[in-house]
């Protein structure tokens, strides 16, 4: 990679890397992956060597950093729906029972 690209994220596997890449691209940030071919060496090489890296153009770094930061958010506490009162697992944004948005006011 040339100096105009910077690594924004190191994924444990290709699936995670493609998820982050797709998320960035859906927000208008150009992204590339490196290291996908090393997945076959998992177990033979150290884990940090076989990580799949997600790269973004330097001029999009700040925007990409915000997107990746939101992706890595660990606020996965269970929450109660403000509309129907049901308990939902933290990774979900919509209530399983009434499809009310997590952040919607009652």
PDB file of N, CA and C in Angstrom:
ATOM      1  N   UNK A   1       0.854  -1.175   0.000  1.00  0.00           N
ATOM      2  CA  UNK A   1       0.000   0.000   0.000  1.00  0.00           C
ATOM      3  C   UNK A   1       0.899   1.237   0.000  1.00  0.00           C
ATOM      4  N   UNK A   2       0.498   2.213  -0.732  1.00  0.00           N
ATOM      5  CA  UNK A   2       1.259   3.457  -0.751  1.00  0.00           C
ATOM      6  C   UNK A   2       0.925   4.277   0.480  1.00  0.00           C
ATOM      7  N   UNK A   3       1.631   5.391   0.641  1.00  0.00           N
ATOM      8  CA  UNK A   3       1.431   6.224   1.809  1.00  0.00           C
ATOM      9  C   UNK A   3       0.085   6.928   1.830  1.00  0.00           C
ATOM     10  N   UNK A   4      -0.679   6.853   0.742  1.00  0.00           N
ATOM     11  CA  UNK A   4      -1.989   7.500   0.742  1.00  0.00           C
ATOM     12  C   UNK A   4      -3.073   6.632   1.388  1.00  0.00           C
ATOM     13  N   UNK A   5      -2.759   5.406   1.759  1.00  0.00           N
ATOM     14  CA  UNK A   5      -3.707   4.508   2.433  1.00  0.00           C
ATOM     15  C   UNK A   5      -3.218   4.237   3.846  1.00  0.00           C
ATOM     16  N   UNK A   6      -4.149   4.159   4.799  1.00  0.00           N
ATOM     17  CA  UNK A   6      -3.799   3.865   6.188  1.00  0.00           C
ATOM     18  C   UNK A   6      -4.663   2.722   6.700  1.00  0.00           C
ATOM     19  N   UNK A   7      -4.062   1.882   7.535  1.00  0.00           N
ATOM     20  CA  UNK A   7      -4.804   0.771   8.131  1.00  0.00           C
ATOM     21  C   UNK A   7      -5.724   1.323   9.218  1.00  0.00           C
ATOM     22  N   UNK A   8      -7.011   1.057   9.076  1.00  0.00           N
ATOM     23  CA  UNK A   8      -8.010   1.546  10.027  1.00  0.00           C
ATOM     24  C   UNK A   8      -8.475   0.442  10.975  1.00  0.00           C
ATOM     25  N   UNK A   9      -8.309  -0.829  10.551  1.00  0.00           N
ATOM     26  CA  UNK A   9      -8.846  -1.923  11.363  1.00  0.00           C
ATOM     27  C   UNK A   9      -8.110  -3.214  11.036  1.00  0.00           C
ATOM     28  N   UNK A  10      -7.835  -4.011  12.059  1.00  0.00           N
ATOM     29  CA  UNK A  10      -7.253  -5.346  11.889  1.00  0.00           C
ATOM     30  C   UNK A  10      -8.284  -6.363  12.343  1.00  0.00           C
ATOM     31  N   UNK A  11      -8.758  -7.165  11.409  1.00  0.00           N
ATOM     32  CA  UNK A  11      -9.806  -8.143  11.693  1.00  0.00           C
ATOM     33  C   UNK A  11      -9.203  -9.518  11.949  1.00  0.00           C
ATOM     34  N   UNK A  12      -9.891 -10.306  12.741  1.00  0.00           N
ATOM     35  CA  UNK A  12      -9.435 -11.664  13.059  1.00  0.00           C
ATOM     36  C   UNK A  12      -9.588 -12.614  11.884  1.00  0.00           C
ATOM     37  N   UNK A  13     -10.523 -12.299  10.982  1.00  0.00           N
ATOM     38  CA  UNK A  13     -10.768 -13.182   9.844  1.00  0.00           C
ATOM     39  C   UNK A  13     -11.342 -12.388   8.676  1.00  0.00           C
ATOM     40  N   UNK A  14     -11.428 -13.046   7.546  1.00  0.00           N
ATOM     41  CA  UNK A  14     -11.895 -12.405   6.323  1.00  0.00           C
ATOM     42  C   UNK A  14     -13.348 -11.948   6.417  1.00  0.00           C
ATOM     43  N   UNK A  15     -14.179 -12.729   7.077  1.00  0.00           N
ATOM     44  CA  UNK A  15     -15.596 -12.375   7.209  1.00  0.00           C
ATOM     45  C   UNK A  15     -15.762 -11.052   7.951  1.00  0.00           C
ATOM     46  N   UNK A  16     -15.061 -10.908   9.069  1.00  0.00           N
ATOM     47  CA  UNK A  16     -15.135  -9.662   9.829  1.00  0.00           C
ATOM     48  C   UNK A  16     -14.587  -8.493   9.012  1.00  0.00           C
ATOM     49  N   UNK A  17     -13.481  -8.719   8.317  1.00  0.00           N
ATOM     50  CA  UNK A  17     -12.880  -7.659   7.501  1.00  0.00           C
ATOM     51  C   UNK A  17     -13.837  -7.195   6.409  1.00  0.00           C
ATOM     52  N   UNK A  18     -14.508  -8.146   5.762  1.00  0.00           N
ATOM     53  CA  UNK A  18     -15.471  -7.776   4.718  1.00  0.00           C
ATOM     54  C   UNK A  18     -16.663  -7.034   5.308  1.00  0.00           C
ATOM     55  N   UNK A  19     -17.054  -7.382   6.512  1.00  0.00           N
ATOM     56  CA  UNK A  19     -18.154  -6.666   7.175  1.00  0.00           C
ATOM     57  C   UNK A  19     -17.779  -5.207   7.417  1.00  0.00           C
ATOM     58  N   UNK A  20     -16.576  -4.984   7.929  1.00  0.00           N
ATOM     59  CA  UNK A  20     -16.116  -3.617   8.191  1.00  0.00           C
ATOM     60  C   UNK A  20     -15.947  -2.860   6.878  1.00  0.00           C
ATOM     61  N   UNK A  21     -15.377  -3.520   5.888  1.00  0.00           N
ATOM     62  CA  UNK A  21     -15.195  -2.889   4.571  1.00  0.00           C
ATOM     63  C   UNK A  21     -16.546  -2.490   3.986  1.00  0.00           C
ATOM     64  N   UNK A  22     -17.518  -3.385   4.058  1.00  0.00           N
ATOM     65  CA  UNK A  22     -18.856  -3.087   3.546  1.00  0.00           C
ATOM     66  C   UNK A  22     -19.513  -1.943   4.294  1.00  0.00           C
ATOM     67  N   UNK A  23     -19.322  -1.909   5.602  1.00  0.00           N
ATOM     68  CA  UNK A  23     -19.873  -0.821   6.412  1.00  0.00           C
ATOM     69  C   UNK A  23     -19.270   0.515   5.992  1.00  0.00           C
ATOM     70  N   UNK A  24     -17.954   0.544   5.835  1.00  0.00           N
ATOM     71  CA  UNK A  24     -17.284   1.774   5.404  1.00  0.00           C
ATOM     72  C   UNK A  24     -17.771   2.211   4.027  1.00  0.00           C
ATOM     73  N   UNK A  25     -17.843   1.269   3.098  1.00  0.00           N
ATOM     74  CA  UNK A  25     -18.268   1.605   1.741  1.00  0.00           C
ATOM     75  C   UNK A  25     -19.716   2.069   1.697  1.00  0.00           C
ATOM     76  N   UNK A  26     -20.558   1.524   2.554  1.00  0.00           N
ATOM     77  CA  UNK A  26     -21.956   1.962   2.589  1.00  0.00           C
ATOM     78  C   UNK A  26     -22.073   3.406   3.074  1.00  0.00           C
ATOM     79  N   UNK A  27     -21.027   3.892   3.749  1.00  0.00           N
ATOM     80  CA  UNK A  27     -20.989   5.278   4.230  1.00  0.00           C
ATOM     81  C   UNK A  27     -20.156   6.170   3.307  1.00  0.00           C
ATOM     82  N   UNK A  28     -19.778   5.637   2.140  1.00  0.00           N
ATOM     83  CA  UNK A  28     -19.048   6.437   1.158  1.00  0.00           C
ATOM     84  C   UNK A  28     -17.548   6.502   1.347  1.00  0.00           C
ATOM     85  N   UNK A  29     -16.989   5.596   2.150  1.00  0.00           N
ATOM     86  CA  UNK A  29     -15.545   5.572   2.394  1.00  0.00           C
ATOM     87  C   UNK A  29     -14.934   4.439   1.577  1.00  0.00           C
ATOM     88  N   UNK A  30     -13.943   4.759   0.743  1.00  0.00           N
ATOM     89  CA  UNK A  30     -13.247   3.736  -0.034  1.00  0.00           C
ATOM     90  C   UNK A  30     -12.408   2.882   0.907  1.00  0.00           C
ATOM     91  N   UNK A  31     -12.434   1.569   0.704  1.00  0.00           N
ATOM     92  CA  UNK A  31     -11.686   0.663   1.581  1.00  0.00           C
ATOM     93  C   UNK A  31     -11.093  -0.484   0.777  1.00  0.00           C
ATOM     94  N   UNK A  32      -9.961  -0.981   1.249  1.00  0.00           N
ATOM     95  CA  UNK A  32      -9.281  -2.139   0.657  1.00  0.00           C
ATOM     96  C   UNK A  32      -8.916  -3.110   1.768  1.00  0.00           C
ATOM     97  N   UNK A  33      -8.709  -4.366   1.378  1.00  0.00           N
ATOM     98  CA  UNK A  33      -8.291  -5.398   2.330  1.00  0.00           C
ATOM     99  C   UNK A  33      -6.933  -5.949   1.926  1.00  0.00           C
ATOM    100  N   UNK A  34      -6.127  -6.302   2.918  1.00  0.00           N
ATOM    101  CA  UNK A  34      -4.889  -7.037   2.666  1.00  0.00           C
ATOM    102  C   UNK A  34      -4.800  -8.174   3.673  1.00  0.00           C
ATOM    103  N   UNK A  35      -4.132  -9.248   3.262  1.00  0.00           N
ATOM    104  CA  UNK A  35      -3.884 -10.357   4.170  1.00  0.00           C
ATOM    105  C   UNK A  35      -4.892 -11.482   4.107  1.00  0.00           C
ATOM    106  N   UNK A  36      -5.841 -11.413   3.179  1.00  0.00           N
ATOM    107  CA  UNK A  36      -6.863 -12.470   3.115  1.00  0.00           C
ATOM    108  C   UNK A  36      -6.266 -13.837   2.817  1.00  0.00           C
ATOM    109  N   UNK A  37      -5.256 -13.888   1.990  1.00  0.00           N
ATOM    110  CA  UNK A  37      -4.672 -15.166   1.587  1.00  0.00           C
ATOM    111  C   UNK A  37      -3.964 -15.869   2.746  1.00  0.00           C
ATOM    112  N   UNK A  38      -3.600 -15.126   3.778  1.00  0.00           N
ATOM    113  CA  UNK A  38      -2.889 -15.726   4.909  1.00  0.00           C
ATOM    114  C   UNK A  38      -3.802 -16.530   5.829  1.00  0.00           C
ATOM    115  N   UNK A  39      -5.105 -16.439   5.646  1.00  0.00           N
ATOM    116  CA  UNK A  39      -6.047 -17.180   6.479  1.00  0.00           C
ATOM    117  C   UNK A  39      -5.799 -18.680   6.448  1.00  0.00           C
ATOM    118  N   UNK A  40      -5.282 -19.173   5.333  1.00  0.00           N
ATOM    119  CA  UNK A  40      -4.995 -20.600   5.204  1.00  0.00           C
ATOM    120  C   UNK A  40      -3.869 -21.039   6.141  1.00  0.00           C
ATOM    121  N   UNK A  41      -3.067 -20.090   6.594  1.00  0.00           N
ATOM    122  CA  UNK A  41      -1.944 -20.413   7.476  1.00  0.00           C
ATOM    123  C   UNK A  41      -2.312 -20.291   8.955  1.00  0.00           C
ATOM    124  N   UNK A  42      -3.584 -20.106   9.243  1.00  0.00           N
ATOM    125  CA  UNK A  42      -4.031 -19.985  10.636  1.00  0.00           C
ATOM    126  C   UNK A  42      -3.588 -21.218  11.416  1.00  0.00           C
ATOM    127  N   UNK A  43      -2.953 -21.011  12.532  1.00  0.00           N
ATOM    128  CA  UNK A  43      -2.442 -22.110  13.345  1.00  0.00           C
ATOM    129  C   UNK A  43      -0.973 -22.385  13.095  1.00  0.00           C
ATOM    130  N   UNK A  44      -0.497 -22.023  11.917  1.00  0.00           N
ATOM    131  CA  UNK A  44       0.913 -22.201  11.577  1.00  0.00           C
ATOM    132  C   UNK A  44       1.708 -20.924  11.834  1.00  0.00           C
ATOM    133  N   UNK A  45       1.027 -19.790  11.715  1.00  0.00           N
ATOM    134  CA  UNK A  45       1.658 -18.486  11.918  1.00  0.00           C
ATOM    135  C   UNK A  45       1.028 -17.801  13.126  1.00  0.00           C
ATOM    136  N   UNK A  46       1.728 -16.853  13.726  1.00  0.00           N
ATOM    137  CA  UNK A  46       1.136 -16.108  14.843  1.00  0.00           C
ATOM    138  C   UNK A  46      -0.154 -15.403  14.411  1.00  0.00           C
ATOM    139  N   UNK A  47      -1.089 -15.260  15.334  1.00  0.00           N
ATOM    140  CA  UNK A  47      -2.405 -14.693  15.027  1.00  0.00           C
ATOM    141  C   UNK A  47      -2.316 -13.292  14.444  1.00  0.00           C
ATOM    142  N   UNK A  48      -1.385 -12.469  14.939  1.00  0.00           N
ATOM    143  CA  UNK A  48      -1.299 -11.103  14.429  1.00  0.00           C
ATOM    144  C   UNK A  48      -0.780 -11.036  12.996  1.00  0.00           C
ATOM    145  N   UNK A  49      -0.143 -12.089  12.530  1.00  0.00           N
ATOM    146  CA  UNK A  49       0.358 -12.124  11.160  1.00  0.00           C
ATOM    147  C   UNK A  49      -0.762 -12.447  10.179  1.00  0.00           C
ATOM    148  N   UNK A  50      -1.731 -13.238  10.593  1.00  0.00           N
ATOM    149  CA  UNK A  50      -2.800 -13.655   9.679  1.00  0.00           C
ATOM    150  C   UNK A  50      -4.041 -12.764   9.766  1.00  0.00           C
ATOM    151  N   UNK A  51      -3.952 -11.656  10.486  1.00  0.00           N
ATOM    152  CA  UNK A  51      -5.076 -10.725  10.527  1.00  0.00           C
ATOM    153  C   UNK A  51      -5.310 -10.132   9.140  1.00  0.00           C
ATOM    154  N   UNK A  52      -6.568  -9.868   8.848  1.00  0.00           N
ATOM    155  CA  UNK A  52      -6.923  -9.202   7.598  1.00  0.00           C
ATOM    156  C   UNK A  52      -7.058  -7.720   7.920  1.00  0.00           C
ATOM    157  N   UNK A  53      -6.299  -6.908   7.227  1.00  0.00           N
ATOM    158  CA  UNK A  53      -6.271  -5.470   7.499  1.00  0.00           C
ATOM    159  C   UNK A  53      -7.214  -4.732   6.557  1.00  0.00           C
ATOM    160  N   UNK A  54      -7.922  -3.743   7.127  1.00  0.00           N
ATOM    161  CA  UNK A  54      -8.810  -2.874   6.357  1.00  0.00           C
ATOM    162  C   UNK A  54      -8.111  -1.527   6.233  1.00  0.00           C
ATOM    163  N   UNK A  55      -7.964  -1.062   4.995  1.00  0.00           N
ATOM    164  CA  UNK A  55      -7.254   0.180   4.706  1.00  0.00           C
ATOM    165  C   UNK A  55      -8.214   1.199   4.111  1.00  0.00           C
ATOM    166  N   UNK A  56      -8.002   2.462   4.460  1.00  0.00           N
ATOM    167  CA  UNK A  56      -8.788   3.561   3.889  1.00  0.00           C
ATOM    168  C   UNK A  56      -7.830   4.632   3.372  1.00  0.00           C
ATOM    169  N   UNK A  57      -8.332   5.434   2.453  1.00  0.00           N
ATOM    170  CA  UNK A  57      -7.520   6.525   1.939  1.00  0.00           C
ATOM    171  C   UNK A  57      -7.293   7.547   3.050  1.00  0.00           C
ATOM    172  N   UNK A  58      -6.098   8.107   3.057  1.00  0.00           N
ATOM    173  CA  UNK A  58      -5.703   9.002   4.145  1.00  0.00           C
ATOM    174  C   UNK A  58      -6.675  10.165   4.317  1.00  0.00           C
ATOM    175  N   UNK A  59      -7.185  10.696   3.229  1.00  0.00           N
ATOM    176  CA  UNK A  59      -8.074  11.858   3.336  1.00  0.00           C
ATOM    177  C   UNK A  59      -9.438  11.495   3.923  1.00  0.00           C
ATOM    178  N   UNK A  60      -9.761  10.200   4.001  1.00  0.00           N
ATOM    179  CA  UNK A  60     -11.025   9.756   4.586  1.00  0.00           C
ATOM    180  C   UNK A  60     -10.841   9.177   5.993  1.00  0.00           C
ATOM    181  N   UNK A  61      -9.638   9.316   6.538  1.00  0.00           N
ATOM    182  CA  UNK A  61      -9.283   8.696   7.812  1.00  0.00           C
ATOM    183  C   UNK A  61     -10.226   9.088   8.945  1.00  0.00           C
ATOM    184  N   UNK A  62     -10.468  10.378   9.134  1.00  0.00           N
ATOM    185  CA  UNK A  62     -11.295  10.811  10.268  1.00  0.00           C
ATOM    186  C   UNK A  62     -12.708  10.262  10.170  1.00  0.00           C
ATOM    187  N   UNK A  63     -13.296  10.323   8.996  1.00  0.00           N
ATOM    188  CA  UNK A  63     -14.649   9.792   8.810  1.00  0.00           C
ATOM    189  C   UNK A  63     -14.668   8.295   9.089  1.00  0.00           C
ATOM    190  N   UNK A  64     -13.684   7.584   8.549  1.00  0.00           N
ATOM    191  CA  UNK A  64     -13.600   6.136   8.743  1.00  0.00           C
ATOM    192  C   UNK A  64     -13.407   5.787  10.211  1.00  0.00           C
ATOM    193  N   UNK A  65     -12.631   6.585  10.909  1.00  0.00           N
ATOM    194  CA  UNK A  65     -12.374   6.330  12.325  1.00  0.00           C
ATOM    195  C   UNK A  65     -13.670   6.409  13.133  1.00  0.00           C
ATOM    196  N   UNK A  66     -14.526   7.362  12.808  1.00  0.00           N
ATOM    197  CA  UNK A  66     -15.815   7.477  13.486  1.00  0.00           C
ATOM    198  C   UNK A  66     -16.704   6.277  13.225  1.00  0.00           C
ATOM    199  N   UNK A  67     -16.706   5.808  11.979  1.00  0.00           N
ATOM    200  CA  UNK A  67     -17.531   4.659  11.599  1.00  0.00           C
ATOM    201  C   UNK A  67     -17.043   3.394  12.308  1.00  0.00           C
ATOM    202  N   UNK A  68     -15.733   3.181  12.305  1.00  0.00           N
ATOM    203  CA  UNK A  68     -15.160   1.998  12.957  1.00  0.00           C
ATOM    204  C   UNK A  68     -15.367   2.072  14.470  1.00  0.00           C
ATOM    205  N   UNK A  69     -15.267   3.247  15.018  1.00  0.00           N
ATOM    206  CA  UNK A  69     -15.502   3.422  16.456  1.00  0.00           C
ATOM    207  C   UNK A  69     -16.928   3.020  16.825  1.00  0.00           C
ATOM    208  N   UNK A  70     -17.891   3.436  16.018  1.00  0.00           N
ATOM    209  CA  UNK A  70     -19.282   3.032  16.248  1.00  0.00           C
ATOM    210  C   UNK A  70     -19.436   1.520  16.123  1.00  0.00           C
ATOM    211  N   UNK A  71     -18.737   0.926  15.151  1.00  0.00           N
ATOM    212  CA  UNK A  71     -18.794  -0.523  14.935  1.00  0.00           C
ATOM    213  C   UNK A  71     -18.278  -1.272  16.169  1.00  0.00           C
ATOM    214  N   UNK A  72     -17.225  -0.750  16.776  1.00  0.00           N
ATOM    215  CA  UNK A  72     -16.614  -1.425  17.922  1.00  0.00           C
ATOM    216  C   UNK A  72     -17.314  -1.110  19.240  1.00  0.00           C
ATOM    217  N   UNK A  73     -18.348  -0.322  19.181  1.00  0.00           N
ATOM    218  CA  UNK A  73     -19.083   0.044  20.398  1.00  0.00           C
ATOM    219  C   UNK A  73     -19.490  -1.230  21.141  1.00  0.00           C
ATOM    220  N   UNK A  74     -19.257  -1.256  22.399  1.00  0.00           N
ATOM    221  CA  UNK A  74     -19.536  -2.463  23.188  1.00  0.00           C
ATOM    222  C   UNK A  74     -20.725  -2.287  24.119  1.00  0.00           C
ATOM    223  N   UNK A  75     -21.627  -1.405  23.780  1.00  0.00           N
ATOM    224  CA  UNK A  75     -22.821  -1.159  24.596  1.00  0.00           C
ATOM    225  C   UNK A  75     -23.883  -2.206  24.251  1.00  0.00           C
ATOM    226  N   UNK A  76     -23.641  -3.441  24.691  1.00  0.00           N
ATOM    227  CA  UNK A  76     -24.552  -4.530  24.349  1.00  0.00           C
ATOM    228  C   UNK A  76     -25.367  -4.985  25.549  1.00  0.00           C
ATOM    229  N   UNK A  77     -25.757  -4.058  26.396  1.00  0.00           N
ATOM    230  CA  UNK A  77     -26.588  -4.401  27.546  1.00  0.00           C
ATOM    231  C   UNK A  77     -28.028  -4.618  27.092  1.00  0.00           C
ATOM    232  N   UNK A  78     -28.697  -5.546  27.764  1.00  0.00           N
ATOM    233  CA  UNK A  78     -30.120  -5.749  27.467  1.00  0.00           C
ATOM    234  C   UNK A  78     -30.873  -4.447  27.710  1.00  0.00           C
ATOM    235  N   UNK A  79     -31.942  -4.238  26.954  1.00  0.00           N
ATOM    236  CA  UNK A  79     -32.726  -3.016  27.096  1.00  0.00           C
ATOM    237  C   UNK A  79     -34.212  -3.337  27.053  1.00  0.00           C
ATOM    238  N   UNK A  80     -35.001  -2.477  27.695  1.00  0.00           N
ATOM    239  CA  UNK A  80     -36.457  -2.643  27.732  1.00  0.00           C
ATOM    240  C   UNK A  80     -37.086  -1.737  26.684  1.00  0.00           C
ATOM    241  N   UNK A  81     -37.982  -2.290  25.911  1.00  0.00           N
ATOM    242  CA  UNK A  81     -38.683  -1.522  24.884  1.00  0.00           C
ATOM    243  C   UNK A  81     -39.559  -0.457  25.553  1.00  0.00           C
ATOM    244  N   UNK A  82     -39.462   0.772  25.063  1.00  0.00           N
ATOM    245  CA  UNK A  82     -40.251   1.868  25.641  1.00  0.00           C
ATOM    246  C   UNK A  82     -41.724   1.779  25.251  1.00  0.00           C
ATOM    247  N   UNK A  83     -42.015   0.975  24.211  1.00  0.00           N
ATOM    248  CA  UNK A  83     -43.404   0.869  23.753  1.00  0.00           C
ATOM    249  C   UNK A  83     -44.148  -0.299  24.400  1.00  0.00           C
ATOM    250  N   UNK A  84     -43.527  -1.490  24.395  1.00  0.00           N
ATOM    251  CA  UNK A  84     -44.245  -2.665  24.901  1.00  0.00           C
ATOM    252  C   UNK A  84     -43.643  -3.245  26.183  1.00  0.00           C
ATOM    253  N   UNK A  85     -42.450  -2.775  26.583  1.00  0.00           N
ATOM    254  CA  UNK A  85     -41.842  -3.226  27.827  1.00  0.00           C
ATOM    255  C   UNK A  85     -41.051  -4.514  27.743  1.00  0.00           C
ATOM    256  N   UNK A  86     -40.981  -5.140  26.574  1.00  0.00           N
ATOM    257  CA  UNK A  86     -40.239  -6.400  26.437  1.00  0.00           C
ATOM    258  C   UNK A  86     -38.740  -6.175  26.588  1.00  0.00           C
ATOM    259  N   UNK A  87     -38.041  -7.202  27.078  1.00  0.00           N
ATOM    260  CA  UNK A  87     -36.590  -7.162  27.202  1.00  0.00           C
ATOM    261  C   UNK A  87     -35.988  -7.634  25.883  1.00  0.00           C
ATOM    262  N   UNK A  88     -34.991  -6.886  25.397  1.00  0.00           N
ATOM    263  CA  UNK A  88     -34.306  -7.210  24.148  1.00  0.00           C
ATOM    264  C   UNK A  88     -32.812  -7.321  24.406  1.00  0.00           C
ATOM    265  N   UNK A  89     -32.134  -8.195  23.676  1.00  0.00           N
ATOM    266  CA  UNK A  89     -30.689  -8.324  23.803  1.00  0.00           C
ATOM    267  C   UNK A  89     -30.027  -7.071  23.234  1.00  0.00           C
ATOM    268  N   UNK A  90     -28.892  -6.700  23.817  1.00  0.00           N
ATOM    269  CA  UNK A  90     -28.233  -5.447  23.500  1.00  0.00           C
ATOM    270  C   UNK A  90     -27.790  -5.245  22.073  1.00  0.00           C
ATOM    271  N   UNK A  91     -27.536  -6.314  21.327  1.00  0.00           N
ATOM    272  CA  UNK A  91     -27.045  -6.146  19.967  1.00  0.00           C
ATOM    273  C   UNK A  91     -28.138  -5.761  18.982  1.00  0.00           C
ATOM    274  N   UNK A  92     -29.395  -5.798  19.430  1.00  0.00           N
ATOM    275  CA  UNK A  92     -30.505  -5.494  18.529  1.00  0.00           C
ATOM    276  C   UNK A  92     -30.958  -4.052  18.676  1.00  0.00           C
ATOM    277  N   UNK A  93     -31.268  -3.420  17.563  1.00  0.00           N
ATOM    278  CA  UNK A  93     -31.726  -2.029  17.549  1.00  0.00           C
ATOM    279  C   UNK A  93     -33.247  -1.929  17.533  1.00  0.00           C
ATOM    280  N   UNK A  94     -33.928  -3.020  17.165  1.00  0.00           N
ATOM    281  CA  UNK A  94     -35.389  -3.039  17.128  1.00  0.00           C
ATOM    282  C   UNK A  94     -35.917  -4.069  18.113  1.00  0.00           C
ATOM    283  N   UNK A  95     -37.053  -3.768  18.718  1.00  0.00           N
ATOM    284  CA  UNK A  95     -37.698  -4.700  19.633  1.00  0.00           C
ATOM    285  C   UNK A  95     -38.166  -5.934  18.862  1.00  0.00           C
ATOM    286  N   UNK A  96     -37.914  -7.117  19.416  1.00  0.00           N
ATOM    287  CA  UNK A  96     -38.328  -8.355  18.757  1.00  0.00           C
ATOM    288  C   UNK A  96     -39.848  -8.478  18.732  1.00  0.00           C
ATOM    289  N   UNK A  97     -40.533  -7.858  19.666  1.00  0.00           N
ATOM    290  CA  UNK A  97     -41.973  -8.017  19.810  1.00  0.00           C
ATOM    291  C   UNK A  97     -42.775  -7.027  18.965  1.00  0.00           C
ATOM    292  N   UNK A  98     -42.396  -5.740  19.017  1.00  0.00           N
ATOM    293  CA  UNK A  98     -43.219  -4.723  18.335  1.00  0.00           C
ATOM    294  C   UNK A  98     -42.446  -3.930  17.284  1.00  0.00           C
ATOM    295  N   UNK A  99     -41.167  -4.232  17.083  1.00  0.00           N
ATOM    296  CA  UNK A  99     -40.300  -3.582  16.107  1.00  0.00           C
ATOM    297  C   UNK A  99     -40.088  -2.090  16.375  1.00  0.00           C
ATOM    298  N   UNK A 100     -40.303  -1.674  17.610  1.00  0.00           N
ATOM    299  CA  UNK A 100     -40.048  -0.291  18.014  1.00  0.00           C
ATOM    300  C   UNK A 100     -38.531  -0.073  18.039  1.00  0.00           C
ATOM    301  N   UNK A 101     -38.078   1.088  17.572  1.00  0.00           N
ATOM    302  CA  UNK A 101     -36.664   1.439  17.579  1.00  0.00           C
ATOM    303  C   UNK A 101     -36.156   1.578  19.012  1.00  0.00           C
ATOM    304  N   UNK A 102     -34.943   1.103  19.250  1.00  0.00           N
ATOM    305  CA  UNK A 102     -34.345   1.142  20.588  1.00  0.00           C
ATOM    306  C   UNK A 102     -34.328   2.553  21.178  1.00  0.00           C
ATOM    307  N   UNK A 103     -34.042   3.545  20.357  1.00  0.00           N
ATOM    308  CA  UNK A 103     -33.891   4.917  20.839  1.00  0.00           C
ATOM    309  C   UNK A 103     -35.174   5.734  20.762  1.00  0.00           C
ATOM    310  N   UNK A 104     -36.252   5.122  20.328  1.00  0.00           N
ATOM    311  CA  UNK A 104     -37.519   5.846  20.175  1.00  0.00           C
ATOM    312  C   UNK A 104     -38.123   6.182  21.537  1.00  0.00           C
ATOM    313  N   UNK A 105     -38.594   7.402  21.658  1.00  0.00           N
ATOM    314  CA  UNK A 105     -39.260   7.828  22.892  1.00  0.00           C
ATOM    315  C   UNK A 105     -40.656   7.217  22.946  1.00  0.00           C
ATOM    316  N   UNK A 106     -41.197   6.966  24.155  1.00  0.00           N
ATOM    317  CA  UNK A 106     -42.540   6.362  24.269  1.00  0.00           C
ATOM    318  C   UNK A 106     -43.624   7.306  23.775  1.00  0.00           C
TER     319      UNK A 106
END
